[in-house]
PDB file of N, CA and C in Angstrom:
ATOM      1  N   UNK A   1       2.463  -3.383  25.296  1.00  0.00           N
ATOM      2  CA  UNK A   1       1.252  -3.009  24.600  1.00  0.00           C
ATOM      3  C   UNK A   1       0.091  -3.014  25.628  1.00  0.00           C
ATOM      4  N   UNK A   2      -0.723  -1.997  25.522  1.00  0.00           N
ATOM      5  CA  UNK A   2      -1.872  -1.968  26.446  1.00  0.00           C
ATOM      6  C   UNK A   2      -2.962  -2.853  25.863  1.00  0.00           C
ATOM      7  N   UNK A   3      -3.701  -3.507  26.759  1.00  0.00           N
ATOM      8  CA  UNK A   3      -4.770  -4.344  26.368  1.00  0.00           C
ATOM      9  C   UNK A   3      -6.107  -3.620  26.280  1.00  0.00           C
ATOM     10  N   UNK A   4      -6.080  -2.316  26.711  1.00  0.00           N
ATOM     11  CA  UNK A   4      -7.279  -1.540  26.715  1.00  0.00           C
ATOM     12  C   UNK A   4      -7.744  -1.274  25.286  1.00  0.00           C
ATOM     13  N   UNK A   5      -9.101  -1.166  25.156  1.00  0.00           N
ATOM     14  CA  UNK A   5      -9.687  -0.746  23.872  1.00  0.00           C
ATOM     15  C   UNK A   5      -9.340   0.702  23.673  1.00  0.00           C
ATOM     16  N   UNK A   6      -8.950   1.119  22.421  1.00  0.00           N
ATOM     17  CA  UNK A   6      -8.682   2.517  22.184  1.00  0.00           C
ATOM     18  C   UNK A   6      -9.901   3.402  22.503  1.00  0.00           C
ATOM     19  N   UNK A   7      -9.615   4.597  22.999  1.00  0.00           N
ATOM     20  CA  UNK A   7     -10.664   5.517  23.403  1.00  0.00           C
ATOM     21  C   UNK A   7     -11.076   6.339  22.200  1.00  0.00           C
ATOM     22  N   UNK A   8     -12.239   6.111  21.668  1.00  0.00           N
ATOM     23  CA  UNK A   8     -12.687   6.747  20.449  1.00  0.00           C
ATOM     24  C   UNK A   8     -12.865   8.223  20.659  1.00  0.00           C
ATOM     25  N   UNK A   9     -13.057   8.676  21.862  1.00  0.00           N
ATOM     26  CA  UNK A   9     -13.300  10.112  22.100  1.00  0.00           C
ATOM     27  C   UNK A   9     -12.053  10.917  22.231  1.00  0.00           C
ATOM     28  N   UNK A  10     -10.913  10.245  22.486  1.00  0.00           N
ATOM     29  CA  UNK A  10      -9.676  11.030  22.709  1.00  0.00           C
ATOM     30  C   UNK A  10      -8.736  10.879  21.516  1.00  0.00           C
ATOM     31  N   UNK A  11      -9.029  11.631  20.497  1.00  0.00           N
ATOM     32  CA  UNK A  11      -8.225  11.606  19.277  1.00  0.00           C
ATOM     33  C   UNK A  11      -6.773  11.950  19.524  1.00  0.00           C
ATOM     34  N   UNK A  12      -6.538  12.904  20.346  1.00  0.00           N
ATOM     35  CA  UNK A  12      -5.204  13.348  20.609  1.00  0.00           C
ATOM     36  C   UNK A  12      -4.309  12.227  21.224  1.00  0.00           C
ATOM     37  N   UNK A  13      -4.891  11.503  22.207  1.00  0.00           N
ATOM     38  CA  UNK A  13      -4.164  10.422  22.845  1.00  0.00           C
ATOM     39  C   UNK A  13      -3.948   9.274  21.802  1.00  0.00           C
ATOM     40  N   UNK A  14      -4.915   9.017  21.005  1.00  0.00           N
ATOM     41  CA  UNK A  14      -4.764   7.953  19.978  1.00  0.00           C
ATOM     42  C   UNK A  14      -3.636   8.280  19.010  1.00  0.00           C
ATOM     43  N   UNK A  15      -3.599   9.553  18.574  1.00  0.00           N
ATOM     44  CA  UNK A  15      -2.552   9.950  17.612  1.00  0.00           C
ATOM     45  C   UNK A  15      -1.166   9.907  18.301  1.00  0.00           C
ATOM     46  N   UNK A  16      -1.141  10.270  19.561  1.00  0.00           N
ATOM     47  CA  UNK A  16       0.153  10.205  20.287  1.00  0.00           C
ATOM     48  C   UNK A  16       0.593   8.773  20.370  1.00  0.00           C
ATOM     49  N   UNK A  17      -0.335   7.851  20.659  1.00  0.00           N
ATOM     50  CA  UNK A  17       0.051   6.416  20.755  1.00  0.00           C
ATOM     51  C   UNK A  17       0.523   5.871  19.408  1.00  0.00           C
ATOM     52  N   UNK A  18      -0.143   6.319  18.329  1.00  0.00           N
ATOM     53  CA  UNK A  18       0.332   5.909  16.972  1.00  0.00           C
ATOM     54  C   UNK A  18       1.749   6.375  16.713  1.00  0.00           C
ATOM     55  N   UNK A  19       2.052   7.573  17.193  1.00  0.00           N
ATOM     56  CA  UNK A  19       3.397   8.133  17.033  1.00  0.00           C
ATOM     57  C   UNK A  19       4.400   7.287  17.798  1.00  0.00           C
ATOM     58  N   UNK A  20       4.047   6.889  19.025  1.00  0.00           N
ATOM     59  CA  UNK A  20       4.911   6.031  19.838  1.00  0.00           C
ATOM     60  C   UNK A  20       5.183   4.661  19.142  1.00  0.00           C
ATOM     61  N   UNK A  21       4.171   4.117  18.580  1.00  0.00           N
ATOM     62  CA  UNK A  21       4.313   2.828  17.860  1.00  0.00           C
ATOM     63  C   UNK A  21       5.208   2.978  16.681  1.00  0.00           C
ATOM     64  N   UNK A  22       5.060   4.102  15.911  1.00  0.00           N
ATOM     65  CA  UNK A  22       5.916   4.358  14.789  1.00  0.00           C
ATOM     66  C   UNK A  22       7.389   4.495  15.224  1.00  0.00           C
ATOM     67  N   UNK A  23       7.600   5.276  16.313  1.00  0.00           N
ATOM     68  CA  UNK A  23       8.962   5.371  16.831  1.00  0.00           C
ATOM     69  C   UNK A  23       9.554   4.083  17.255  1.00  0.00           C
ATOM     70  N   UNK A  24       8.737   3.204  17.839  1.00  0.00           N
ATOM     71  CA  UNK A  24       9.245   1.908  18.280  1.00  0.00           C
ATOM     72  C   UNK A  24       9.770   1.141  17.086  1.00  0.00           C
ATOM     73  N   UNK A  25       9.015   1.131  15.997  1.00  0.00           N
ATOM     74  CA  UNK A  25       9.512   0.433  14.764  1.00  0.00           C
ATOM     75  C   UNK A  25      10.772   1.084  14.227  1.00  0.00           C
ATOM     76  N   UNK A  26      10.816   2.405  14.218  1.00  0.00           N
ATOM     77  CA  UNK A  26      12.007   3.087  13.716  1.00  0.00           C
ATOM     78  C   UNK A  26      13.244   2.820  14.538  1.00  0.00           C
ATOM     79  N   UNK A  27      13.075   2.577  15.821  1.00  0.00           N
ATOM     80  CA  UNK A  27      14.234   2.358  16.705  1.00  0.00           C
ATOM     81  C   UNK A  27      14.698   0.930  16.857  1.00  0.00           C
ATOM     82  N   UNK A  28      14.007   0.034  16.183  1.00  0.00           N
ATOM     83  CA  UNK A  28      14.391  -1.410  16.255  1.00  0.00           C
ATOM     84  C   UNK A  28      15.444  -1.741  15.236  1.00  0.00           C
ATOM     85  N   UNK A  29      16.558  -2.302  15.696  1.00  0.00           N
ATOM     86  CA  UNK A  29      17.552  -2.820  14.774  1.00  0.00           C
ATOM     87  C   UNK A  29      17.111  -4.157  14.203  1.00  0.00           C
ATOM     88  N   UNK A  30      16.549  -4.964  15.076  1.00  0.00           N
ATOM     89  CA  UNK A  30      16.028  -6.282  14.724  1.00  0.00           C
ATOM     90  C   UNK A  30      14.682  -6.382  15.378  1.00  0.00           C
ATOM     91  N   UNK A  31      13.633  -6.441  14.541  1.00  0.00           N
ATOM     92  CA  UNK A  31      12.257  -6.405  15.082  1.00  0.00           C
ATOM     93  C   UNK A  31      11.826  -7.784  15.556  1.00  0.00           C
ATOM     94  N   UNK A  32      11.308  -7.803  16.764  1.00  0.00           N
ATOM     95  CA  UNK A  32      10.699  -9.005  17.306  1.00  0.00           C
ATOM     96  C   UNK A  32       9.369  -9.185  16.582  1.00  0.00           C
ATOM     97  N   UNK A  33       9.218 -10.228  15.831  1.00  0.00           N
ATOM     98  CA  UNK A  33       8.028 -10.388  14.958  1.00  0.00           C
ATOM     99  C   UNK A  33       6.747 -10.446  15.809  1.00  0.00           C
ATOM    100  N   UNK A  34       6.775 -11.113  16.913  1.00  0.00           N
ATOM    101  CA  UNK A  34       5.555 -11.232  17.757  1.00  0.00           C
ATOM    102  C   UNK A  34       5.167  -9.903  18.322  1.00  0.00           C
ATOM    103  N   UNK A  35       6.162  -9.155  18.844  1.00  0.00           N
ATOM    104  CA  UNK A  35       5.905  -7.825  19.415  1.00  0.00           C
ATOM    105  C   UNK A  35       5.434  -6.860  18.289  1.00  0.00           C
ATOM    106  N   UNK A  36       6.081  -6.964  17.164  1.00  0.00           N
ATOM    107  CA  UNK A  36       5.734  -6.116  16.008  1.00  0.00           C
ATOM    108  C   UNK A  36       4.303  -6.394  15.575  1.00  0.00           C
ATOM    109  N   UNK A  37       3.881  -7.627  15.561  1.00  0.00           N
ATOM    110  CA  UNK A  37       2.495  -7.977  15.195  1.00  0.00           C
ATOM    111  C   UNK A  37       1.533  -7.371  16.174  1.00  0.00           C
ATOM    112  N   UNK A  38       1.815  -7.443  17.461  1.00  0.00           N
ATOM    113  CA  UNK A  38       0.981  -6.839  18.493  1.00  0.00           C
ATOM    114  C   UNK A  38       0.813  -5.311  18.216  1.00  0.00           C
ATOM    115  N   UNK A  39       1.953  -4.702  17.982  1.00  0.00           N
ATOM    116  CA  UNK A  39       1.891  -3.291  17.748  1.00  0.00           C
ATOM    117  C   UNK A  39       1.137  -2.905  16.444  1.00  0.00           C
ATOM    118  N   UNK A  40       1.259  -3.686  15.416  1.00  0.00           N
ATOM    119  CA  UNK A  40       0.521  -3.450  14.192  1.00  0.00           C
ATOM    120  C   UNK A  40      -0.985  -3.578  14.452  1.00  0.00           C
ATOM    121  N   UNK A  41      -1.357  -4.578  15.202  1.00  0.00           N
ATOM    122  CA  UNK A  41      -2.806  -4.784  15.517  1.00  0.00           C
ATOM    123  C   UNK A  41      -3.314  -3.602  16.349  1.00  0.00           C
ATOM    124  N   UNK A  42      -2.531  -3.137  17.328  1.00  0.00           N
ATOM    125  CA  UNK A  42      -2.931  -1.999  18.126  1.00  0.00           C
ATOM    126  C   UNK A  42      -3.047  -0.739  17.251  1.00  0.00           C
ATOM    127  N   UNK A  43      -2.069  -0.546  16.370  1.00  0.00           N
ATOM    128  CA  UNK A  43      -2.143   0.623  15.494  1.00  0.00           C
ATOM    129  C   UNK A  43      -3.382   0.562  14.601  1.00  0.00           C
ATOM    130  N   UNK A  44      -3.732  -0.610  14.048  1.00  0.00           N
ATOM    131  CA  UNK A  44      -4.893  -0.761  13.202  1.00  0.00           C
ATOM    132  C   UNK A  44      -6.156  -0.352  13.965  1.00  0.00           C
ATOM    133  N   UNK A  45      -6.275  -0.815  15.205  1.00  0.00           N
ATOM    134  CA  UNK A  45      -7.434  -0.476  16.030  1.00  0.00           C
ATOM    135  C   UNK A  45      -7.484   1.021  16.278  1.00  0.00           C
ATOM    136  N   UNK A  46      -6.336   1.622  16.561  1.00  0.00           N
ATOM    137  CA  UNK A  46      -6.261   3.096  16.774  1.00  0.00           C
ATOM    138  C   UNK A  46      -6.665   3.841  15.555  1.00  0.00           C
ATOM    139  N   UNK A  47      -6.199   3.398  14.416  1.00  0.00           N
ATOM    140  CA  UNK A  47      -6.569   4.060  13.130  1.00  0.00           C
ATOM    141  C   UNK A  47      -8.065   3.997  12.923  1.00  0.00           C
ATOM    142  N   UNK A  48      -8.637   2.849  13.155  1.00  0.00           N
ATOM    143  CA  UNK A  48     -10.063   2.690  12.972  1.00  0.00           C
ATOM    144  C   UNK A  48     -10.902   3.628  13.866  1.00  0.00           C
ATOM    145  N   UNK A  49     -10.596   3.652  15.149  1.00  0.00           N
ATOM    146  CA  UNK A  49     -11.383   4.520  16.003  1.00  0.00           C
ATOM    147  C   UNK A  49     -11.077   5.966  15.765  1.00  0.00           C
ATOM    148  N   UNK A  50      -9.866   6.283  15.302  1.00  0.00           N
ATOM    149  CA  UNK A  50      -9.548   7.684  15.024  1.00  0.00           C
ATOM    150  C   UNK A  50     -10.306   8.159  13.804  1.00  0.00           C
ATOM    151  N   UNK A  51     -10.451   7.312  12.796  1.00  0.00           N
ATOM    152  CA  UNK A  51     -11.255   7.657  11.647  1.00  0.00           C
ATOM    153  C   UNK A  51     -12.708   7.907  12.034  1.00  0.00           C
ATOM    154  N   UNK A  52     -13.239   7.031  12.884  1.00  0.00           N
ATOM    155  CA  UNK A  52     -14.609   7.218  13.346  1.00  0.00           C
ATOM    156  C   UNK A  52     -14.764   8.546  14.054  1.00  0.00           C
ATOM    157  N   UNK A  53     -13.816   8.842  14.910  1.00  0.00           N
ATOM    158  CA  UNK A  53     -13.915  10.096  15.658  1.00  0.00           C
ATOM    159  C   UNK A  53     -13.815  11.311  14.746  1.00  0.00           C
ATOM    160  N   UNK A  54     -12.916  11.235  13.774  1.00  0.00           N
ATOM    161  CA  UNK A  54     -12.780  12.333  12.788  1.00  0.00           C
ATOM    162  C   UNK A  54     -14.106  12.533  12.028  1.00  0.00           C
ATOM    163  N   UNK A  55     -14.767  11.466  11.692  1.00  0.00           N
ATOM    164  CA  UNK A  55     -16.068  11.597  11.010  1.00  0.00           C
ATOM    165  C   UNK A  55     -17.076  12.279  11.956  1.00  0.00           C
ATOM    166  N   UNK A  56     -17.048  11.931  13.192  1.00  0.00           N
ATOM    167  CA  UNK A  56     -17.929  12.567  14.194  1.00  0.00           C
ATOM    168  C   UNK A  56     -17.653  14.028  14.345  1.00  0.00           C
ATOM    169  N   UNK A  57     -16.365  14.341  14.421  1.00  0.00           N
ATOM    170  CA  UNK A  57     -15.977  15.796  14.517  1.00  0.00           C
ATOM    171  C   UNK A  57     -16.413  16.548  13.289  1.00  0.00           C
ATOM    172  N   UNK A  58     -16.222  15.959  12.166  1.00  0.00           N
ATOM    173  CA  UNK A  58     -16.636  16.645  10.904  1.00  0.00           C
ATOM    174  C   UNK A  58     -18.139  16.893  10.925  1.00  0.00           C
ATOM    175  N   UNK A  59     -18.933  15.893  11.373  1.00  0.00           N
ATOM    176  CA  UNK A  59     -20.398  16.063  11.452  1.00  0.00           C
ATOM    177  C   UNK A  59     -20.732  17.154  12.439  1.00  0.00           C
ATOM    178  N   UNK A  60     -20.054  17.269  13.570  1.00  0.00           N
ATOM    179  CA  UNK A  60     -20.315  18.278  14.564  1.00  0.00           C
ATOM    180  C   UNK A  60     -20.041  19.647  13.958  1.00  0.00           C
ATOM    181  N   UNK A  61     -18.952  19.802  13.216  1.00  0.00           N
ATOM    182  CA  UNK A  61     -18.648  21.080  12.594  1.00  0.00           C
ATOM    183  C   UNK A  61     -19.708  21.447  11.542  1.00  0.00           C
ATOM    184  N   UNK A  62     -20.187  20.437  10.802  1.00  0.00           N
ATOM    185  CA  UNK A  62     -21.227  20.748   9.803  1.00  0.00           C
ATOM    186  C   UNK A  62     -22.515  21.198  10.496  1.00  0.00           C
ATOM    187  N   UNK A  63     -22.856  20.622  11.620  1.00  0.00           N
ATOM    188  CA  UNK A  63     -24.062  21.005  12.360  1.00  0.00           C
ATOM    189  C   UNK A  63     -23.876  22.444  12.880  1.00  0.00           C
ATOM    190  N   UNK A  64     -22.726  22.752  13.392  1.00  0.00           N
ATOM    191  CA  UNK A  64     -22.494  24.121  13.871  1.00  0.00           C
ATOM    192  C   UNK A  64     -22.576  25.123  12.728  1.00  0.00           C
ATOM    193  N   UNK A  65     -22.002  24.724  11.598  1.00  0.00           N
ATOM    194  CA  UNK A  65     -22.024  25.601  10.420  1.00  0.00           C
ATOM    195  C   UNK A  65     -23.467  25.867   9.989  1.00  0.00           C
ATOM    196  N   UNK A  66     -24.324  24.821   9.986  1.00  0.00           N
ATOM    197  CA  UNK A  66     -25.738  24.980   9.593  1.00  0.00           C
ATOM    198  C   UNK A  66     -26.425  25.898  10.617  1.00  0.00           C
ATOM    199  N   UNK A  67     -26.148  25.716  11.887  1.00  0.00           N
ATOM    200  CA  UNK A  67     -26.770  26.533  12.921  1.00  0.00           C
ATOM    201  C   UNK A  67     -26.374  27.993  12.722  1.00  0.00           C
ATOM    202  N   UNK A  68     -25.109  28.245  12.489  1.00  0.00           N
ATOM    203  CA  UNK A  68     -24.665  29.628  12.275  1.00  0.00           C
ATOM    204  C   UNK A  68     -25.267  30.188  11.012  1.00  0.00           C
ATOM    205  N   UNK A  69     -25.322  29.479   9.963  1.00  0.00           N
ATOM    206  CA  UNK A  69     -25.865  29.929   8.645  1.00  0.00           C
ATOM    207  C   UNK A  69     -27.365  30.215   8.836  1.00  0.00           C
ATOM    208  N   UNK A  70     -28.053  29.352   9.536  1.00  0.00           N
ATOM    209  CA  UNK A  70     -29.500  29.539   9.760  1.00  0.00           C
ATOM    210  C   UNK A  70     -29.713  30.785  10.608  1.00  0.00           C
ATOM    211  N   UNK A  71     -28.884  31.014  11.607  1.00  0.00           N
ATOM    212  CA  UNK A  71     -29.009  32.190  12.455  1.00  0.00           C
ATOM    213  C   UNK A  71     -28.787  33.439  11.690  1.00  0.00           C
ATOM    214  N   UNK A  72     -27.882  33.463  10.718  1.00  0.00           N
ATOM    215  CA  UNK A  72     -27.571  34.639   9.912  1.00  0.00           C
ATOM    216  C   UNK A  72     -28.778  34.952   8.988  1.00  0.00           C
ATOM    217  N   UNK A  73     -29.407  33.922   8.435  1.00  0.00           N
ATOM    218  CA  UNK A  73     -30.538  34.104   7.515  1.00  0.00           C
ATOM    219  C   UNK A  73     -31.752  34.646   8.271  1.00  0.00           C
ATOM    220  N   UNK A  74     -31.972  34.181   9.482  1.00  0.00           N
ATOM    221  CA  UNK A  74     -33.100  34.679  10.271  1.00  0.00           C
ATOM    222  C   UNK A  74     -32.913  36.098  10.714  1.00  0.00           C
ATOM    223  N   UNK A  75     -31.640  36.570  10.762  1.00  0.00           N
ATOM    224  CA  UNK A  75     -31.417  37.963  11.149  1.00  0.00           C
ATOM    225  C   UNK A  75     -31.771  38.962  10.097  1.00  0.00           C
ATOM    226  N   UNK A  76     -31.940  38.468   8.876  1.00  0.00           N
ATOM    227  CA  UNK A  76     -32.223  39.321   7.722  1.00  0.00           C
ATOM    228  C   UNK A  76     -33.652  39.711   7.691  1.00  0.00           C
TER     229      UNK A  76
END
């Protein structure tokens, strides 16, 4: 497990890491509880920052949409 804080700006990398964690659990015949707990904590942190980034992306799209709509109205 990496000790680094998840990068809120790189949604793609965070989703890739979540996929790796999921595969780790799927491939375990007998799960090491301590390692599993570390991975669950890491996944929770990744989910949190990914949600925050998704909200930011949504806001950016809304701003662009407003700018485009405003530009169309001023052309009339």
